[in-house]
């Protein structure tokens, strides 16, 4: 009976050892992956600083904003021109139809 109890306790200990060894292996792998990720992020940060990506994107944003302003001005100009042409054409239409109506009513 003592032998059986000791055998079971030894089995439990062996199972804990195997489980802990698996956990250690998994944690070592996680640590290795984390170190690789840190190195990768460090390289990306160094590249971003070396190639001055921040100013590149700030310039791109500024260029887009300038283009947006230019396009807004173009839209405003087109709208004003369209309104002007509509007013001119409305006057022409009014004059034309008034003349047409007077001719039509005269007959």
PDB file of N, CA and C in Angstrom:
ATOM      1  N   UNK A   1       0.816  -1.184   0.000  1.00  0.00           N
ATOM      2  CA  UNK A   1       0.000   0.000   0.000  1.00  0.00           C
ATOM      3  C   UNK A   1       0.873   1.266   0.000  1.00  0.00           C
ATOM      4  N   UNK A   2       1.904   1.253   0.844  1.00  0.00           N
ATOM      5  CA  UNK A   2       2.810   2.392   0.870  1.00  0.00           C
ATOM      6  C   UNK A   2       3.479   2.565  -0.490  1.00  0.00           C
ATOM      7  N   UNK A   3       3.853   1.450  -1.055  1.00  0.00           N
ATOM      8  CA  UNK A   3       4.501   1.507  -2.365  1.00  0.00           C
ATOM      9  C   UNK A   3       3.550   2.134  -3.396  1.00  0.00           C
ATOM     10  N   UNK A   4       2.266   1.726  -3.363  1.00  0.00           N
ATOM     11  CA  UNK A   4       1.270   2.256  -4.305  1.00  0.00           C
ATOM     12  C   UNK A   4       1.103   3.759  -4.112  1.00  0.00           C
ATOM     13  N   UNK A   5       1.026   4.184  -2.843  1.00  0.00           N
ATOM     14  CA  UNK A   5       0.893   5.605  -2.554  1.00  0.00           C
ATOM     15  C   UNK A   5       2.120   6.377  -3.059  1.00  0.00           C
ATOM     16  N   UNK A   6       3.274   5.863  -2.767  1.00  0.00           N
ATOM     17  CA  UNK A   6       4.504   6.514  -3.218  1.00  0.00           C
ATOM     18  C   UNK A   6       4.590   6.545  -4.745  1.00  0.00           C
ATOM     19  N   UNK A   7       4.146   5.460  -5.358  1.00  0.00           N
ATOM     20  CA  UNK A   7       4.155   5.399  -6.820  1.00  0.00           C
ATOM     21  C   UNK A   7       3.222   6.475  -7.406  1.00  0.00           C
ATOM     22  N   UNK A   8       2.050   6.602  -6.824  1.00  0.00           N
ATOM     23  CA  UNK A   8       1.097   7.628  -7.293  1.00  0.00           C
ATOM     24  C   UNK A   8       1.649   9.031  -7.079  1.00  0.00           C
ATOM     25  N   UNK A   9       2.257   9.275  -5.923  1.00  0.00           N
ATOM     26  CA  UNK A   9       2.854  10.583  -5.670  1.00  0.00           C
ATOM     27  C   UNK A   9       3.999  10.850  -6.650  1.00  0.00           C
ATOM     28  N   UNK A  10       4.793   9.839  -6.917  1.00  0.00           N
ATOM     29  CA  UNK A  10       5.888  10.002  -7.882  1.00  0.00           C
ATOM     30  C   UNK A  10       5.331  10.291  -9.266  1.00  0.00           C
ATOM     31  N   UNK A  11       4.228   9.640  -9.622  1.00  0.00           N
ATOM     32  CA  UNK A  11       3.587   9.891 -10.922  1.00  0.00           C
ATOM     33  C   UNK A  11       3.079  11.324 -10.998  1.00  0.00           C
ATOM     34  N   UNK A  12       2.467  11.798  -9.908  1.00  0.00           N
ATOM     35  CA  UNK A  12       1.994  13.183  -9.880  1.00  0.00           C
ATOM     36  C   UNK A  12       3.166  14.151 -10.027  1.00  0.00           C
ATOM     37  N   UNK A  13       4.257  13.863  -9.346  1.00  0.00           N
ATOM     38  CA  UNK A  13       5.441  14.710  -9.437  1.00  0.00           C
ATOM     39  C   UNK A  13       5.988  14.693 -10.860  1.00  0.00           C
ATOM     40  N   UNK A  14       6.075  13.507 -11.467  1.00  0.00           N
ATOM     41  CA  UNK A  14       6.552  13.400 -12.846  1.00  0.00           C
ATOM     42  C   UNK A  14       5.640  14.183 -13.798  1.00  0.00           C
ATOM     43  N   UNK A  15       4.334  14.084 -13.591  1.00  0.00           N
ATOM     44  CA  UNK A  15       3.379  14.809 -14.435  1.00  0.00           C
ATOM     45  C   UNK A  15       3.578  16.322 -14.276  1.00  0.00           C
ATOM     46  N   UNK A  16       3.786  16.786 -13.033  1.00  0.00           N
ATOM     47  CA  UNK A  16       4.038  18.213 -12.815  1.00  0.00           C
ATOM     48  C   UNK A  16       5.326  18.642 -13.496  1.00  0.00           C
ATOM     49  N   UNK A  17       6.355  17.781 -13.410  1.00  0.00           N
ATOM     50  CA  UNK A  17       7.634  18.106 -14.043  1.00  0.00           C
ATOM     51  C   UNK A  17       7.464  18.236 -15.548  1.00  0.00           C
ATOM     52  N   UNK A  18       6.758  17.286 -16.168  1.00  0.00           N
ATOM     53  CA  UNK A  18       6.535  17.324 -17.616  1.00  0.00           C
ATOM     54  C   UNK A  18       5.730  18.563 -17.983  1.00  0.00           C
ATOM     55  N   UNK A  19       4.695  18.863 -17.203  1.00  0.00           N
ATOM     56  CA  UNK A  19       3.864  20.040 -17.464  1.00  0.00           C
ATOM     57  C   UNK A  19       4.704  21.315 -17.341  1.00  0.00           C
ATOM     58  N   UNK A  20       5.509  21.399 -16.293  1.00  0.00           N
ATOM     59  CA  UNK A  20       6.349  22.580 -16.106  1.00  0.00           C
ATOM     60  C   UNK A  20       7.397  22.699 -17.212  1.00  0.00           C
ATOM     61  N   UNK A  21       7.950  21.580 -17.665  1.00  0.00           N
ATOM     62  CA  UNK A  21       8.917  21.622 -18.758  1.00  0.00           C
ATOM     63  C   UNK A  21       8.265  22.143 -20.039  1.00  0.00           C
ATOM     64  N   UNK A  22       7.011  21.722 -20.284  1.00  0.00           N
ATOM     65  CA  UNK A  22       6.281  22.230 -21.458  1.00  0.00           C
ATOM     66  C   UNK A  22       6.029  23.731 -21.324  1.00  0.00           C
ATOM     67  N   UNK A  23       5.643  24.163 -20.119  1.00  0.00           N
ATOM     68  CA  UNK A  23       5.404  25.586 -19.894  1.00  0.00           C
ATOM     69  C   UNK A  23       6.690  26.391 -20.086  1.00  0.00           C
ATOM     70  N   UNK A  24       7.801  25.868 -19.571  1.00  0.00           N
ATOM     71  CA  UNK A  24       9.083  26.548 -19.719  1.00  0.00           C
ATOM     72  C   UNK A  24       9.445  26.653 -21.201  1.00  0.00           C
ATOM     73  N   UNK A  25       9.244  25.550 -21.946  1.00  0.00           N
ATOM     74  CA  UNK A  25       9.546  25.567 -23.381  1.00  0.00           C
ATOM     75  C   UNK A  25       8.663  26.595 -24.101  1.00  0.00           C
ATOM     76  N   UNK A  26       7.370  26.634 -23.754  1.00  0.00           N
ATOM     77  CA  UNK A  26       6.448  27.588 -24.385  1.00  0.00           C
ATOM     78  C   UNK A  26       6.833  29.021 -24.016  1.00  0.00           C
ATOM     79  N   UNK A  27       7.160  29.256 -22.760  1.00  0.00           N
ATOM     80  CA  UNK A  27       7.556  30.595 -22.330  1.00  0.00           C
ATOM     81  C   UNK A  27       8.873  31.018 -22.984  1.00  0.00           C
ATOM     82  N   UNK A  28       9.787  30.070 -23.146  1.00  0.00           N
ATOM     83  CA  UNK A  28      11.039  30.389 -23.840  1.00  0.00           C
ATOM     84  C   UNK A  28      10.765  30.778 -25.289  1.00  0.00           C
ATOM     85  N   UNK A  29       9.864  30.055 -25.929  1.00  0.00           N
ATOM     86  CA  UNK A  29       9.486  30.375 -27.308  1.00  0.00           C
ATOM     87  C   UNK A  29       8.811  31.742 -27.367  1.00  0.00           C
ATOM     88  N   UNK A  30       7.915  32.014 -26.411  1.00  0.00           N
ATOM     89  CA  UNK A  30       7.257  33.331 -26.356  1.00  0.00           C
ATOM     90  C   UNK A  30       8.280  34.445 -26.147  1.00  0.00           C
ATOM     91  N   UNK A  31       9.256  34.205 -25.275  1.00  0.00           N
ATOM     92  CA  UNK A  31      10.302  35.196 -25.034  1.00  0.00           C
ATOM     93  C   UNK A  31      11.122  35.448 -26.299  1.00  0.00           C
ATOM     94  N   UNK A  32      11.466  34.380 -26.995  1.00  0.00           N
ATOM     95  CA  UNK A  32      12.223  34.515 -28.233  1.00  0.00           C
ATOM     96  C   UNK A  32      11.442  35.301 -29.278  1.00  0.00           C
ATOM     97  N   UNK A  33      10.167  35.008 -29.402  1.00  0.00           N
ATOM     98  CA  UNK A  33       9.317  35.749 -30.350  1.00  0.00           C
ATOM     99  C   UNK A  33       9.205  37.217 -29.953  1.00  0.00           C
ATOM    100  N   UNK A  34       9.077  37.468 -28.652  1.00  0.00           N
ATOM    101  CA  UNK A  34       8.980  38.847 -28.177  1.00  0.00           C
ATOM    102  C   UNK A  34      10.274  39.611 -28.466  1.00  0.00           C
ATOM    103  N   UNK A  35      11.420  38.962 -28.277  1.00  0.00           N
ATOM    104  CA  UNK A  35      12.698  39.616 -28.565  1.00  0.00           C
ATOM    105  C   UNK A  35      12.825  39.924 -30.058  1.00  0.00           C
ATOM    106  N   UNK A  36      12.362  39.014 -30.902  1.00  0.00           N
ATOM    107  CA  UNK A  36      12.383  39.257 -32.348  1.00  0.00           C
ATOM    108  C   UNK A  36      11.476  40.425 -32.704  1.00  0.00           C
ATOM    109  N   UNK A  37      10.295  40.470 -32.070  1.00  0.00           N
ATOM    110  CA  UNK A  37       9.361  41.576 -32.324  1.00  0.00           C
ATOM    111  C   UNK A  37       9.973  42.910 -31.887  1.00  0.00           C
ATOM    112  N   UNK A  38      10.642  42.923 -30.733  1.00  0.00           N
ATOM    113  CA  UNK A  38      11.284  44.152 -30.241  1.00  0.00           C
ATOM    114  C   UNK A  38      12.366  44.600 -31.220  1.00  0.00           C
ATOM    115  N   UNK A  39      13.172  43.658 -31.689  1.00  0.00           N
ATOM    116  CA  UNK A  39      14.214  44.005 -32.663  1.00  0.00           C
ATOM    117  C   UNK A  39      13.593  44.559 -33.945  1.00  0.00           C
ATOM    118  N   UNK A  40      12.502  43.936 -34.374  1.00  0.00           N
ATOM    119  CA  UNK A  40      11.829  44.392 -35.594  1.00  0.00           C
ATOM    120  C   UNK A  40      11.293  45.812 -35.412  1.00  0.00           C
ATOM    121  N   UNK A  41      10.645  46.071 -34.276  1.00  0.00           N
ATOM    122  CA  UNK A  41      10.123  47.409 -34.019  1.00  0.00           C
ATOM    123  C   UNK A  41      11.242  48.432 -33.886  1.00  0.00           C
ATOM    124  N   UNK A  42      12.356  48.020 -33.277  1.00  0.00           N
ATOM    125  CA  UNK A  42      13.505  48.922 -33.179  1.00  0.00           C
ATOM    126  C   UNK A  42      14.040  49.274 -34.566  1.00  0.00           C
ATOM    127  N   UNK A  43      14.126  48.275 -35.455  1.00  0.00           N
ATOM    128  CA  UNK A  43      14.582  48.541 -36.831  1.00  0.00           C
ATOM    129  C   UNK A  43      13.619  49.476 -37.543  1.00  0.00           C
ATOM    130  N   UNK A  44      12.310  49.233 -37.364  1.00  0.00           N
ATOM    131  CA  UNK A  44      11.322  50.111 -38.008  1.00  0.00           C
ATOM    132  C   UNK A  44      11.442  51.539 -37.488  1.00  0.00           C
ATOM    133  N   UNK A  45      11.632  51.696 -36.172  1.00  0.00           N
ATOM    134  CA  UNK A  45      11.769  53.037 -35.602  1.00  0.00           C
ATOM    135  C   UNK A  45      13.035  53.711 -36.127  1.00  0.00           C
ATOM    136  N   UNK A  46      14.133  52.959 -36.190  1.00  0.00           N
ATOM    137  CA  UNK A  46      15.376  53.526 -36.720  1.00  0.00           C
ATOM    138  C   UNK A  46      15.219  53.935 -38.179  1.00  0.00           C
ATOM    139  N   UNK A  47      14.547  53.079 -38.973  1.00  0.00           N
ATOM    140  CA  UNK A  47      14.313  53.418 -40.380  1.00  0.00           C
ATOM    141  C   UNK A  47      13.438  54.657 -40.506  1.00  0.00           C
ATOM    142  N   UNK A  48      12.411  54.731 -39.670  1.00  0.00           N
ATOM    143  CA  UNK A  48      11.515  55.891 -39.716  1.00  0.00           C
ATOM    144  C   UNK A  48      12.274  57.167 -39.392  1.00  0.00           C
ATOM    145  N   UNK A  49      13.168  57.071 -38.417  1.00  0.00           N
ATOM    146  CA  UNK A  49      13.962  58.257 -38.072  1.00  0.00           C
ATOM    147  C   UNK A  49      14.995  58.566 -39.151  1.00  0.00           C
ATOM    148  N   UNK A  50      15.645  57.528 -39.658  1.00  0.00           N
ATOM    149  CA  UNK A  50      16.701  57.724 -40.660  1.00  0.00           C
ATOM    150  C   UNK A  50      16.142  58.318 -41.951  1.00  0.00           C
ATOM    151  N   UNK A  51      15.031  57.799 -42.398  1.00  0.00           N
ATOM    152  CA  UNK A  51      14.460  58.256 -43.664  1.00  0.00           C
ATOM    153  C   UNK A  51      13.458  59.386 -43.478  1.00  0.00           C
ATOM    154  N   UNK A  52      13.284  59.824 -42.246  1.00  0.00           N
ATOM    155  CA  UNK A  52      12.432  60.973 -41.926  1.00  0.00           C
ATOM    156  C   UNK A  52      11.007  60.790 -42.456  1.00  0.00           C
ATOM    157  N   UNK A  53      10.416  59.648 -42.127  1.00  0.00           N
ATOM    158  CA  UNK A  53       9.063  59.344 -42.585  1.00  0.00           C
ATOM    159  C   UNK A  53       8.048  60.358 -42.072  1.00  0.00           C
ATOM    160  N   UNK A  54       8.272  60.869 -40.870  1.00  0.00           N
ATOM    161  CA  UNK A  54       7.307  61.819 -40.296  1.00  0.00           C
ATOM    162  C   UNK A  54       7.154  63.028 -41.214  1.00  0.00           C
ATOM    163  N   UNK A  55       8.272  63.606 -41.647  1.00  0.00           N
ATOM    164  CA  UNK A  55       8.157  64.796 -42.505  1.00  0.00           C
ATOM    165  C   UNK A  55       7.564  64.425 -43.859  1.00  0.00           C
ATOM    166  N   UNK A  56       7.857  63.207 -44.335  1.00  0.00           N
ATOM    167  CA  UNK A  56       7.279  62.766 -45.613  1.00  0.00           C
ATOM    168  C   UNK A  56       5.759  62.764 -45.523  1.00  0.00           C
ATOM    169  N   UNK A  57       5.232  62.182 -44.455  1.00  0.00           N
ATOM    170  CA  UNK A  57       3.779  62.113 -44.316  1.00  0.00           C
ATOM    171  C   UNK A  57       3.173  63.468 -43.981  1.00  0.00           C
ATOM    172  N   UNK A  58       3.904  64.289 -43.222  1.00  0.00           N
ATOM    173  CA  UNK A  58       3.401  65.637 -42.950  1.00  0.00           C
ATOM    174  C   UNK A  58       3.329  66.447 -44.241  1.00  0.00           C
ATOM    175  N   UNK A  59       4.339  66.280 -45.102  1.00  0.00           N
ATOM    176  CA  UNK A  59       4.321  66.962 -46.402  1.00  0.00           C
ATOM    177  C   UNK A  59       3.178  66.443 -47.261  1.00  0.00           C
ATOM    178  N   UNK A  60       2.943  65.135 -47.223  1.00  0.00           N
ATOM    179  CA  UNK A  60       1.834  64.556 -47.996  1.00  0.00           C
ATOM    180  C   UNK A  60       0.497  65.095 -47.503  1.00  0.00           C
ATOM    181  N   UNK A  61       0.344  65.224 -46.198  1.00  0.00           N
ATOM    182  CA  UNK A  61      -0.896  65.789 -45.635  1.00  0.00           C
ATOM    183  C   UNK A  61      -1.055  67.241 -46.071  1.00  0.00           C
ATOM    184  N   UNK A  62       0.036  68.001 -46.003  1.00  0.00           N
ATOM    185  CA  UNK A  62      -0.012  69.408 -46.414  1.00  0.00           C
ATOM    186  C   UNK A  62      -0.367  69.526 -47.896  1.00  0.00           C
ATOM    187  N   UNK A  63       0.223  68.673 -48.721  1.00  0.00           N
ATOM    188  CA  UNK A  63      -0.073  68.679 -50.157  1.00  0.00           C
ATOM    189  C   UNK A  63      -1.548  68.368 -50.402  1.00  0.00           C
ATOM    190  N   UNK A  64      -2.063  67.373 -49.691  1.00  0.00           N
ATOM    191  CA  UNK A  64      -3.489  67.029 -49.839  1.00  0.00           C
ATOM    192  C   UNK A  64      -4.375  68.193 -49.410  1.00  0.00           C
ATOM    193  N   UNK A  65      -4.028  68.846 -48.311  1.00  0.00           N
ATOM    194  CA  UNK A  65      -4.816  69.999 -47.866  1.00  0.00           C
ATOM    195  C   UNK A  65      -4.765  71.132 -48.884  1.00  0.00           C
ATOM    196  N   UNK A  66      -3.576  71.381 -49.452  1.00  0.00           N
ATOM    197  CA  UNK A  66      -3.467  72.413 -50.486  1.00  0.00           C
ATOM    198  C   UNK A  66      -4.312  72.061 -51.699  1.00  0.00           C
ATOM    199  N   UNK A  67      -4.238  70.805 -52.119  1.00  0.00           N
ATOM    200  CA  UNK A  67      -5.055  70.360 -53.256  1.00  0.00           C
ATOM    201  C   UNK A  67      -6.535  70.506 -52.958  1.00  0.00           C
ATOM    202  N   UNK A  68      -6.915  70.216 -51.720  1.00  0.00           N
ATOM    203  CA  UNK A  68      -8.312  70.361 -51.319  1.00  0.00           C
ATOM    204  C   UNK A  68      -8.754  71.815 -51.405  1.00  0.00           C
ATOM    205  N   UNK A  69      -7.881  72.730 -50.983  1.00  0.00           N
ATOM    206  CA  UNK A  69      -8.205  74.160 -51.071  1.00  0.00           C
ATOM    207  C   UNK A  69      -8.349  74.596 -52.528  1.00  0.00           C
ATOM    208  N   UNK A  70      -7.426  74.142 -53.381  1.00  0.00           N
ATOM    209  CA  UNK A  70      -7.487  74.497 -54.805  1.00  0.00           C
ATOM    210  C   UNK A  70      -8.773  73.959 -55.419  1.00  0.00           C
ATOM    211  N   UNK A  71      -9.072  72.696 -55.126  1.00  0.00           N
ATOM    212  CA  UNK A  71     -10.299  72.112 -55.680  1.00  0.00           C
ATOM    213  C   UNK A  71     -11.543  72.813 -55.147  1.00  0.00           C
ATOM    214  N   UNK A  72     -11.511  73.217 -53.883  1.00  0.00           N
ATOM    215  CA  UNK A  72     -12.638  73.971 -53.323  1.00  0.00           C
ATOM    216  C   UNK A  72     -12.823  75.292 -54.047  1.00  0.00           C
ATOM    217  N   UNK A  73     -11.711  75.963 -54.353  1.00  0.00           N
ATOM    218  CA  UNK A  73     -11.789  77.227 -55.091  1.00  0.00           C
ATOM    219  C   UNK A  73     -12.338  76.994 -56.498  1.00  0.00           C
ATOM    220  N   UNK A  74     -11.914  75.910 -57.126  1.00  0.00           N
ATOM    221  CA  UNK A  74     -12.412  75.576 -58.472  1.00  0.00           C
ATOM    222  C   UNK A  74     -13.914  75.319 -58.425  1.00  0.00           C
ATOM    223  N   UNK A  75     -14.355  74.578 -57.431  1.00  0.00           N
ATOM    224  CA  UNK A  75     -15.790  74.288 -57.292  1.00  0.00           C
ATOM    225  C   UNK A  75     -16.565  75.579 -57.084  1.00  0.00           C
ATOM    226  N   UNK A  76     -16.048  76.462 -56.227  1.00  0.00           N
ATOM    227  CA  UNK A  76     -16.734  77.740 -55.989  1.00  0.00           C
ATOM    228  C   UNK A  76     -16.807  78.567 -57.269  1.00  0.00           C
ATOM    229  N   UNK A  77     -15.705  78.619 -58.020  1.00  0.00           N
ATOM    230  CA  UNK A  77     -15.677  79.364 -59.284  1.00  0.00           C
ATOM    231  C   UNK A  77     -16.656  78.767 -60.283  1.00  0.00           C
ATOM    232  N   UNK A  78     -16.637  77.440 -60.411  1.00  0.00           N
ATOM    233  CA  UNK A  78     -17.579  76.781 -61.326  1.00  0.00           C
ATOM    234  C   UNK A  78     -19.018  77.061 -60.941  1.00  0.00           C
ATOM    235  N   UNK A  79     -19.296  77.026 -59.652  1.00  0.00           N
ATOM    236  CA  UNK A  79     -20.655  77.285 -59.189  1.00  0.00           C
ATOM    237  C   UNK A  79     -21.067  78.719 -59.517  1.00  0.00           C
ATOM    238  N   UNK A  80     -20.152  79.668 -59.265  1.00  0.00           N
ATOM    239  CA  UNK A  80     -20.464  81.074 -59.560  1.00  0.00           C
ATOM    240  C   UNK A  80     -20.677  81.269 -61.061  1.00  0.00           C
ATOM    241  N   UNK A  81     -19.829  80.630 -61.880  1.00  0.00           N
ATOM    242  CA  UNK A  81     -20.001  80.741 -63.334  1.00  0.00           C
ATOM    243  C   UNK A  81     -21.314  80.117 -63.784  1.00  0.00           C
ATOM    244  N   UNK A  82     -21.648  78.990 -63.205  1.00  0.00           N
ATOM    245  CA  UNK A  82     -22.903  78.328 -63.576  1.00  0.00           C
ATOM    246  C   UNK A  82     -24.099  79.204 -63.219  1.00  0.00           C
ATOM    247  N   UNK A  83     -24.062  79.815 -62.026  1.00  0.00           N
ATOM    248  CA  UNK A  83     -25.151  80.714 -61.638  1.00  0.00           C
ATOM    249  C   UNK A  83     -25.234  81.903 -62.589  1.00  0.00           C
ATOM    250  N   UNK A  84     -24.091  82.460 -62.971  1.00  0.00           N
ATOM    251  CA  UNK A  84     -24.069  83.607 -63.877  1.00  0.00           C
ATOM    252  C   UNK A  84     -24.675  83.231 -65.229  1.00  0.00           C
ATOM    253  N   UNK A  85     -24.252  82.081 -65.756  1.00  0.00           N
ATOM    254  CA  UNK A  85     -24.790  81.634 -67.041  1.00  0.00           C
ATOM    255  C   UNK A  85     -26.285  81.359 -66.951  1.00  0.00           C
ATOM    256  N   UNK A  86     -26.729  80.809 -65.830  1.00  0.00           N
ATOM    257  CA  UNK A  86     -28.159  80.553 -65.675  1.00  0.00           C
ATOM    258  C   UNK A  86     -28.946  81.856 -65.653  1.00  0.00           C
ATOM    259  N   UNK A  87     -28.404  82.862 -64.961  1.00  0.00           N
ATOM    260  CA  UNK A  87     -29.093  84.158 -64.944  1.00  0.00           C
ATOM    261  C   UNK A  87     -29.175  84.759 -66.347  1.00  0.00           C
ATOM    262  N   UNK A  88     -28.059  84.679 -67.095  1.00  0.00           N
ATOM    263  CA  UNK A  88     -28.041  85.209 -68.457  1.00  0.00           C
ATOM    264  C   UNK A  88     -29.028  84.450 -69.338  1.00  0.00           C
ATOM    265  N   UNK A  89     -29.019  83.146 -69.239  1.00  0.00           N
ATOM    266  CA  UNK A  89     -29.930  82.341 -70.058  1.00  0.00           C
ATOM    267  C   UNK A  89     -31.375  82.552 -69.650  1.00  0.00           C
ATOM    268  N   UNK A  90     -31.615  82.754 -68.365  1.00  0.00           N
ATOM    269  CA  UNK A  90     -32.992  82.997 -67.905  1.00  0.00           C
ATOM    270  C   UNK A  90     -33.504  84.296 -68.510  1.00  0.00           C
ATOM    271  N   UNK A  91     -32.648  85.322 -68.543  1.00  0.00           N
ATOM    272  CA  UNK A  91     -33.060  86.588 -69.172  1.00  0.00           C
ATOM    273  C   UNK A  91     -33.343  86.386 -70.653  1.00  0.00           C
ATOM    274  N   UNK A  92     -32.503  85.614 -71.327  1.00  0.00           N
ATOM    275  CA  UNK A  92     -32.712  85.328 -72.745  1.00  0.00           C
ATOM    276  C   UNK A  92     -34.008  84.538 -72.936  1.00  0.00           C
ATOM    277  N   UNK A  93     -34.233  83.531 -72.104  1.00  0.00           N
ATOM    278  CA  UNK A  93     -35.456  82.733 -72.215  1.00  0.00           C
ATOM    279  C   UNK A  93     -36.689  83.589 -71.975  1.00  0.00           C
ATOM    280  N   UNK A  94     -36.629  84.437 -70.936  1.00  0.00           N
ATOM    281  CA  UNK A  94     -37.774  85.311 -70.653  1.00  0.00           C
ATOM    282  C   UNK A  94     -38.069  86.208 -71.851  1.00  0.00           C
ATOM    283  N   UNK A  95     -37.037  86.822 -72.422  1.00  0.00           N
ATOM    284  CA  UNK A  95     -37.211  87.705 -73.561  1.00  0.00           C
ATOM    285  C   UNK A  95     -37.739  86.906 -74.766  1.00  0.00           C
ATOM    286  N   UNK A  96     -37.173  85.748 -75.017  1.00  0.00           N
ATOM    287  CA  UNK A  96     -37.565  84.935 -76.158  1.00  0.00           C
ATOM    288  C   UNK A  96     -39.009  84.480 -76.014  1.00  0.00           C
ATOM    289  N   UNK A  97     -39.362  83.969 -74.843  1.00  0.00           N
ATOM    290  CA  UNK A  97     -40.733  83.474 -74.668  1.00  0.00           C
ATOM    291  C   UNK A  97     -41.743  84.616 -74.611  1.00  0.00           C
ATOM    292  N   UNK A  98     -41.348  85.778 -74.115  1.00  0.00           N
ATOM    293  CA  UNK A  98     -42.260  86.916 -74.121  1.00  0.00           C
ATOM    294  C   UNK A  98     -42.583  87.292 -75.565  1.00  0.00           C
ATOM    295  N   UNK A  99     -41.527  87.318 -76.395  1.00  0.00           N
ATOM    296  CA  UNK A  99     -41.717  87.629 -77.807  1.00  0.00           C
ATOM    297  C   UNK A  99     -42.584  86.542 -78.457  1.00  0.00           C
ATOM    298  N   UNK A 100     -42.292  85.317 -78.157  1.00  0.00           N
ATOM    299  CA  UNK A 100     -43.027  84.176 -78.731  1.00  0.00           C
ATOM    300  C   UNK A 100     -44.489  84.238 -78.290  1.00  0.00           C
ATOM    301  N   UNK A 101     -44.723  84.538 -77.007  1.00  0.00           N
ATOM    302  CA  UNK A 101     -46.093  84.602 -76.502  1.00  0.00           C
ATOM    303  C   UNK A 101     -46.853  85.749 -77.158  1.00  0.00           C
ATOM    304  N   UNK A 102     -46.185  86.864 -77.362  1.00  0.00           N
ATOM    305  CA  UNK A 102     -46.877  87.994 -78.015  1.00  0.00           C
ATOM    306  C   UNK A 102     -47.213  87.637 -79.448  1.00  0.00           C
ATOM    307  N   UNK A 103     -46.314  86.925 -80.121  1.00  0.00           N
ATOM    308  CA  UNK A 103     -46.608  86.504 -81.510  1.00  0.00           C
ATOM    309  C   UNK A 103     -47.745  85.493 -81.503  1.00  0.00           C
ATOM    310  N   UNK A 104     -47.709  84.549 -80.528  1.00  0.00           N
ATOM    311  CA  UNK A 104     -48.735  83.514 -80.460  1.00  0.00           C
ATOM    312  C   UNK A 104     -50.088  84.115 -80.115  1.00  0.00           C
ATOM    313  N   UNK A 105     -50.147  85.104 -79.236  1.00  0.00           N
ATOM    314  CA  UNK A 105     -51.398  85.718 -78.841  1.00  0.00           C
ATOM    315  C   UNK A 105     -51.925  86.641 -79.930  1.00  0.00           C
ATOM    316  N   UNK A 106     -51.037  87.183 -80.731  1.00  0.00           N
ATOM    317  CA  UNK A 106     -51.444  88.075 -81.807  1.00  0.00           C
ATOM    318  C   UNK A 106     -52.098  87.318 -82.946  1.00  0.00           C
ATOM    319  N   UNK A 107     -51.866  86.097 -83.096  1.00  0.00           N
ATOM    320  CA  UNK A 107     -52.419  85.360 -84.234  1.00  0.00           C
ATOM    321  C   UNK A 107     -53.734  84.755 -83.946  1.00  0.00           C
TER     322      UNK A 107
END
